[in-house]
Amino acid sequence: MDTNILLENGTNELEVLEFTLAGNHYGINVAKIREILTYQAVTPIPNAHPSVEGIFMPRDTMITVINLRNCLGFPDTDKDGLFIITNFNKLNIAFHVDEVCGIHRLSWTEIIKPDSTINVEERGVSTGVVKLEDRLIVILDFEKIVTDISPETGLQVSDLEELGERDRNGSPIVIAEDSPLLSKLITDCLRKSGYTKLNVNSNGQEAWDKLVQFKQEGTLDEKVHMVITDIEMPVMDGHRLTKLIKDDEDMRHIPVVIFSSLVNEEMRRKGEMLGADAQLTKPEIGSLVGAIDELLDKRKELLAQRG
């Protein structure tokens, strides 16, 4: 699925596909979608998770089908519905939905982050809510839905064991990640890797405000040696944050690492055009630590040459 939004850089906009389940309206970032197919018969898998309908193989690619009605606790329906075929975290997955309503172009500033009363950290599957005309559209956390079904598709924490014992590193790192669960996992992993000076923010705007504050205080180079950012975040996304940093004469030397489930071929090109220094997909936590090590080593070398 080709959309114009993929060709633009740092606009802080996204396109959301609206679909329905049991009469309720939900959304998914178009950047995750490969295509939409009419319902096809699937092959059940013995002893699979209750939300996994089975597998099918369009054009020689095996795809797992997840029943979103089951995931969200709705009763089954006798209607065929549609398959939304997605690609994120290097996985091809079909989500079985009732109907597709259309695509809406939005600003991340329009996405309201659910508070803790409706989005408990361990169980919530919503990343945001947007009001369109007379209805609310709930943006679902598809990464969490998949990880809840198959935990091994989440962050590969075991990769850190291969790094062995590591010395403590005093380089301060600013992190922008809206998911409380992922934010905790990432920070825990970085601390185990020796990175303990972490400034954690729940969206790109919070991180940008911190950077501007440090710049105004004259403490930017002391308090920020690197920025790690997700892409999908309410208020300000990671691409907009990257653009603002790399367009600022006093900040562009700060390495920016994009760590997101959306790092596919198109988004990688977009990140490169914005000036991102490294881009990794969410499961690769071991590779993230390696990229941090390399970029901070380069930073030290540059500072030594200047000094």
Protein backbone atom coordinates (compact mmCIF):
# COMPACT_ATOMS: atom_id res chain seq x y z
CA MET A 1 0.00 0.00 0.00
CA ASP A 2 1.60 3.25 -1.18
CA THR A 3 0.59 6.47 0.54
CA ASN A 4 1.92 9.99 0.19
CA ILE A 5 2.66 10.25 3.89
CA LEU A 6 5.56 7.83 3.50
CA LEU A 7 7.27 10.25 1.11
CA GLU A 8 7.16 13.25 3.43
CA ASN A 9 9.60 14.09 6.17
CA GLY A 10 9.08 15.34 9.70
CA THR A 11 5.55 16.69 9.21
CA ASN A 12 4.33 15.18 12.52
CA GLU A 13 1.46 13.64 10.57
CA LEU A 14 0.23 10.12 10.03
CA GLU A 15 -2.49 8.32 8.12
CA VAL A 16 -4.87 6.14 10.11
CA LEU A 17 -6.99 3.37 8.63
CA GLU A 18 -10.36 3.27 10.41
CA PHE A 19 -12.04 -0.12 10.81
CA THR A 20 -14.82 -1.62 12.93
CA LEU A 21 -15.23 -4.52 15.33
CA ALA A 22 -18.63 -5.27 16.86
CA GLY A 23 -19.82 -1.78 15.95
CA ASN A 24 -16.86 -0.04 17.59
CA HIS A 25 -14.36 2.09 15.68
CA TYR A 26 -10.62 1.42 15.78
CA GLY A 27 -7.54 2.62 13.94
CA ILE A 28 -4.13 1.46 12.75
CA ASN A 29 -1.24 3.50 11.37
CA VAL A 30 -1.19 3.03 7.60
CA ALA A 31 2.61 2.75 7.76
CA LYS A 32 2.11 -0.72 9.26
CA ILE A 33 -0.16 -1.95 6.46
CA ARG A 34 0.92 -3.92 3.39
CA GLU A 35 -2.53 -4.53 1.93
CA ILE A 36 -6.18 -5.31 2.68
CA LEU A 37 -7.69 -8.59 1.50
CA THR A 38 -11.17 -10.06 1.51
CA TYR A 39 -11.60 -12.96 3.90
CA GLN A 40 -9.95 -16.21 2.88
CA ALA A 41 -10.18 -19.64 4.44
CA VAL A 42 -7.31 -20.30 6.83
CA THR A 43 -5.62 -23.48 8.05
CA PRO A 44 -6.03 -23.89 11.83
CA ILE A 45 -2.90 -24.61 13.89
CA PRO A 46 -3.25 -27.20 16.69
CA ASN A 47 -2.76 -25.86 20.24
CA ALA A 48 -2.41 -22.29 18.97
CA HIS A 49 -3.37 -19.27 21.08
CA PRO A 50 -7.19 -18.78 21.14
CA SER A 51 -6.84 -15.49 19.20
CA VAL A 52 -4.88 -17.15 16.38
CA GLU A 53 -7.30 -18.32 13.68
CA GLY A 54 -4.59 -20.08 11.71
CA ILE A 55 -2.39 -19.44 8.70
CA PHE A 56 -2.82 -18.80 5.00
CA MET A 57 -0.39 -18.27 2.15
CA PRO A 58 -1.15 -15.56 -0.41
CA ARG A 59 1.58 -15.24 -3.05
CA ASP A 60 3.85 -17.83 -1.38
CA THR A 61 4.19 -15.90 1.89
CA MET A 62 2.89 -17.63 5.01
CA ILE A 63 0.89 -15.24 7.20
CA THR A 64 -0.55 -15.78 10.66
CA VAL A 65 -4.16 -14.62 11.08
CA ILE A 66 -5.17 -13.02 14.41
CA ASN A 67 -8.85 -12.64 15.26
CA LEU A 68 -9.14 -9.13 16.72
CA ARG A 69 -12.66 -9.80 18.00
CA ASN A 70 -11.24 -12.54 20.20
CA CYS A 71 -8.33 -10.34 21.33
CA LEU A 72 -10.69 -7.59 22.49
CA GLY A 73 -13.23 -9.90 24.11
CA PHE A 74 -16.03 -9.56 21.55
CA PRO A 75 -18.20 -12.54 20.50
CA ASP A 76 -17.58 -14.24 17.17
CA THR A 77 -19.61 -13.27 14.12
CA ASP A 78 -20.79 -15.25 11.11
CA LYS A 79 -19.73 -12.45 8.75
CA ASP A 80 -16.52 -13.02 6.78
CA GLY A 81 -15.00 -9.56 7.25
CA LEU A 82 -11.57 -8.51 5.95
CA PHE A 83 -7.89 -9.17 6.57
CA ILE A 84 -5.60 -6.20 7.27
CA ILE A 85 -2.14 -7.50 6.30
CA THR A 86 0.58 -5.78 8.33
CA ASN A 87 4.35 -5.74 8.55
CA PHE A 88 6.14 -4.56 11.70
CA ASN A 89 8.88 -5.96 13.92
CA LYS A 90 9.87 -8.01 10.86
CA LEU A 91 6.60 -9.97 11.08
CA ASN A 92 3.85 -10.43 8.50
CA ILE A 93 0.51 -10.72 10.30
CA ALA A 94 -3.13 -10.53 9.18
CA PHE A 95 -5.68 -9.01 11.55
CA HIS A 96 -9.26 -10.19 10.97
CA VAL A 97 -11.68 -7.23 11.24
CA ASP A 98 -15.35 -6.62 10.42
CA GLU A 99 -15.26 -3.63 8.06
CA VAL A 100 -12.85 -0.96 6.80
CA CYS A 101 -14.22 2.59 6.82
CA GLY A 102 -11.46 4.67 5.22
CA ILE A 103 -8.18 6.50 5.73
CA HIS A 104 -7.77 9.74 7.67
CA ARG A 105 -4.76 12.04 7.59
CA LEU A 106 -4.08 13.38 11.09
CA SER A 107 -1.53 15.25 13.13
CA TRP A 108 -0.01 13.47 16.11
CA THR A 109 -1.16 16.48 18.14
CA GLU A 110 -4.74 15.25 17.59
CA ILE A 111 -4.02 11.87 19.17
CA ILE A 112 -5.01 11.82 22.84
CA LYS A 113 -3.01 9.41 24.97
CA PRO A 114 -5.32 7.27 27.18
CA ASP A 115 -4.82 7.81 30.90
CA SER A 116 -4.17 5.04 33.41
CA THR A 117 -7.87 4.62 34.23
CA ILE A 118 -8.51 2.97 30.86
CA ASN A 119 -5.03 1.83 29.83
CA VAL A 120 -3.43 -0.17 32.62
CA GLU A 121 0.28 -0.65 31.88
CA GLU A 122 0.26 -4.45 31.71
CA ARG A 123 -3.12 -4.91 29.97
CA GLY A 124 -3.91 -1.81 27.93
CA VAL A 125 -3.95 -2.25 24.15
CA SER A 126 -4.61 1.35 23.13
CA THR A 127 -1.91 3.87 22.20
CA GLY A 128 -4.29 6.78 21.61
CA VAL A 129 -7.78 8.05 20.87
CA VAL A 130 -8.87 10.53 18.21
CA LYS A 131 -12.26 12.21 17.80
CA LEU A 132 -13.60 12.40 14.25
CA GLU A 133 -16.99 14.06 13.74
CA ASP A 134 -19.42 12.15 16.00
CA ARG A 135 -17.24 9.17 16.93
CA LEU A 136 -14.13 8.20 18.82
CA ILE A 137 -11.52 6.06 17.11
CA VAL A 138 -9.29 3.99 19.38
CA ILE A 139 -5.78 3.50 17.99
CA LEU A 140 -4.78 -0.04 18.95
CA ASP A 141 -1.34 -1.14 20.13
CA PHE A 142 -0.79 -3.93 17.61
CA GLU A 143 2.74 -4.63 18.85
CA LYS A 144 1.42 -5.37 22.34
CA ILE A 145 -1.41 -7.50 20.95
CA VAL A 146 1.12 -9.65 19.09
CA THR A 147 3.57 -9.77 22.02
CA ASP A 148 0.79 -10.85 24.40
CA ILE A 149 0.00 -13.74 22.04
CA SER A 150 3.62 -14.62 21.33
CA PRO A 151 6.05 -13.11 23.91
CA GLU A 152 9.15 -14.17 21.97
CA THR A 153 8.27 -11.60 19.29
CA GLY A 154 8.86 -8.78 21.81
CA LEU A 155 12.17 -7.30 22.89
CA GLN A 156 14.89 -9.94 22.69
CA VAL A 157 16.21 -9.34 26.21
CA SER A 158 18.20 -12.58 26.02
CA ASP A 159 20.46 -10.91 23.43
CA LEU A 160 21.98 -8.86 26.26
CA GLU A 161 23.46 -11.99 27.83
CA GLU A 162 25.79 -12.32 24.85
CA LEU A 163 27.29 -8.91 25.69
CA GLY A 164 28.63 -10.23 29.02
CA GLU A 165 29.72 -8.06 31.94
CA ARG A 166 30.04 -4.38 31.06
CA ASP A 167 31.46 -1.34 32.81
CA ARG A 168 29.18 1.50 33.81
CA ASN A 169 28.97 4.25 31.19
CA GLY A 170 28.32 7.83 32.30
CA SER A 171 26.99 9.10 28.97
CA PRO A 172 23.54 10.68 29.47
CA ILE A 173 20.87 9.49 27.03
CA VAL A 174 17.48 11.08 26.31
CA ILE A 175 14.73 8.55 25.49
CA ALA A 176 11.34 9.22 23.86
CA GLU A 177 8.94 6.25 24.12
CA ASP A 178 5.18 6.46 24.74
CA SER A 179 4.55 2.87 25.84
CA PRO A 180 5.09 2.58 29.63
CA LEU A 181 5.82 -1.14 29.32
CA LEU A 182 8.34 -0.76 26.50
CA SER A 183 9.90 2.27 28.14
CA LYS A 184 10.53 0.21 31.28
CA LEU A 185 11.92 -2.72 29.27
CA ILE A 186 14.24 -0.47 27.27
CA THR A 187 15.53 1.41 30.29
CA ASP A 188 16.01 -1.82 32.26
CA CYS A 189 17.99 -3.28 29.36
CA LEU A 190 20.14 -0.18 28.97
CA ARG A 191 20.90 -0.09 32.70
CA LYS A 192 21.97 -3.74 32.57
CA SER A 193 24.26 -2.72 29.71
CA GLY A 194 25.90 -0.03 31.87
CA TYR A 195 23.95 3.02 30.69
CA THR A 196 22.47 4.49 33.86
CA LYS A 197 22.03 8.21 33.08
CA LEU A 198 18.68 7.99 31.30
CA ASN A 199 16.27 10.88 30.79
CA VAL A 200 12.97 9.19 29.88
CA ASN A 201 10.09 11.02 28.13
CA SER A 202 6.66 9.81 27.02
CA ASN A 203 6.63 11.52 23.61
CA GLY A 204 8.75 13.55 21.23
CA GLN A 205 7.45 16.88 22.48
CA GLU A 206 8.58 16.17 26.05
CA ALA A 207 12.01 15.15 24.79
CA TRP A 208 12.28 18.25 22.57
CA ASP A 209 11.28 20.53 25.45
CA LYS A 210 14.07 19.01 27.55
CA LEU A 211 16.62 19.53 24.77
CA VAL A 212 15.56 23.16 24.34
CA GLN A 213 15.77 23.68 28.10
CA PHE A 214 19.31 22.25 28.24
CA LYS A 215 20.32 24.39 25.28
CA GLN A 216 19.02 27.54 26.95
CA GLU A 217 20.81 26.59 30.18
CA GLY A 218 24.06 26.02 28.31
CA THR A 219 24.19 22.39 29.54
CA LEU A 220 23.24 20.59 26.30
CA ASP A 221 26.55 18.79 25.71
CA GLU A 222 26.81 17.93 29.39
CA LYS A 223 23.30 16.45 29.69
CA VAL A 224 22.72 14.87 26.26
CA HIS A 225 25.17 12.55 24.51
CA MET A 226 22.48 10.72 22.50
CA VAL A 227 18.75 10.58 21.76
CA ILE A 228 16.82 7.32 21.32
CA THR A 229 13.31 7.71 19.94
CA ASP A 230 10.29 5.65 18.94
CA ILE A 231 8.44 6.76 15.79
CA GLU A 232 4.77 6.46 16.77
CA MET A 233 3.99 8.80 19.68
CA PRO A 234 1.15 11.21 20.52
CA VAL A 235 1.75 14.98 20.34
CA MET A 236 5.08 14.67 18.47
CA ASP A 237 6.40 11.61 16.66
CA GLY A 238 10.00 10.47 16.42
CA HIS A 239 10.52 11.63 12.85
CA ARG A 240 9.50 15.18 13.75
CA LEU A 241 11.81 15.05 16.77
CA THR A 242 14.68 13.86 14.58
CA LYS A 243 14.07 16.65 12.07
CA LEU A 244 14.01 19.33 14.77
CA ILE A 245 17.28 18.06 16.25
CA LYS A 246 19.09 17.76 12.93
CA ASP A 247 17.82 21.17 11.74
CA ASP A 248 19.14 22.89 14.87
CA GLU A 249 22.71 24.16 14.49
CA ASP A 250 23.47 23.58 18.18
CA MET A 251 21.97 20.08 18.34
CA ARG A 252 22.66 18.39 15.01
CA HIS A 253 25.87 16.82 16.32
CA ILE A 254 23.85 14.77 18.84
CA PRO A 255 23.46 11.17 17.59
CA VAL A 256 19.81 10.15 17.09
CA VAL A 257 18.83 6.47 17.13
CA ILE A 258 15.36 5.51 15.92
CA PHE A 259 14.18 2.37 17.73
CA SER A 260 10.76 1.39 16.42
CA SER A 261 8.64 -1.48 15.15
CA LEU A 262 8.08 0.64 12.01
CA VAL A 263 11.63 0.48 10.67
CA ASN A 264 10.80 -1.09 7.31
CA GLU A 265 12.33 -0.21 3.94
CA GLU A 266 10.23 2.93 3.33
CA MET A 267 10.58 4.24 6.86
CA ARG A 268 14.32 3.56 6.86
CA ARG A 269 14.69 5.79 3.80
CA LYS A 270 12.65 8.47 5.52
CA GLY A 271 14.81 8.26 8.65
CA GLU A 272 17.98 8.52 6.58
CA MET A 273 16.69 11.65 4.84
CA LEU A 274 15.95 13.20 8.24
CA GLY A 275 19.51 12.49 9.40
CA ALA A 276 19.00 9.62 11.86
CA ASP A 277 22.36 8.12 12.81
CA ALA A 278 21.00 4.58 13.32
CA GLN A 279 17.65 2.81 12.92
CA LEU A 280 16.70 -0.49 14.49
CA THR A 281 13.48 -2.44 14.82
CA LYS A 282 12.03 -3.09 18.26
CA PRO A 283 13.07 -6.70 18.96
CA GLU A 284 16.77 -5.92 18.39
CA ILE A 285 17.65 -4.67 21.88
CA GLY A 286 21.10 -6.27 21.68
CA SER A 287 21.77 -4.50 18.40
CA LEU A 288 20.51 -1.26 19.96
CA VAL A 289 23.17 -1.48 22.66
CA GLY A 290 25.79 -2.18 19.98
CA ALA A 291 24.70 0.87 17.98
CA ILE A 292 24.82 3.05 21.12
CA ASP A 293 28.33 1.82 21.92
CA GLU A 294 29.55 2.58 18.39
CA LEU A 295 28.01 6.05 18.15
CA LEU A 296 29.25 7.12 21.57
CA ASP A 297 32.74 5.86 20.73
CA LYS A 298 32.68 8.02 17.58
CA ARG A 299 31.53 10.96 19.66
CA LYS A 300 34.52 10.52 22.01
CA GLU A 301 36.90 10.33 19.06
CA LEU A 302 35.52 13.53 17.55
CA LEU A 303 35.79 15.35 20.87
CA ALA A 304 39.38 14.12 21.30
CA GLN A 305 40.30 15.40 17.82
CA ARG A 306 38.79 18.80 18.58
CA GLY A 307 40.44 18.98 22.00
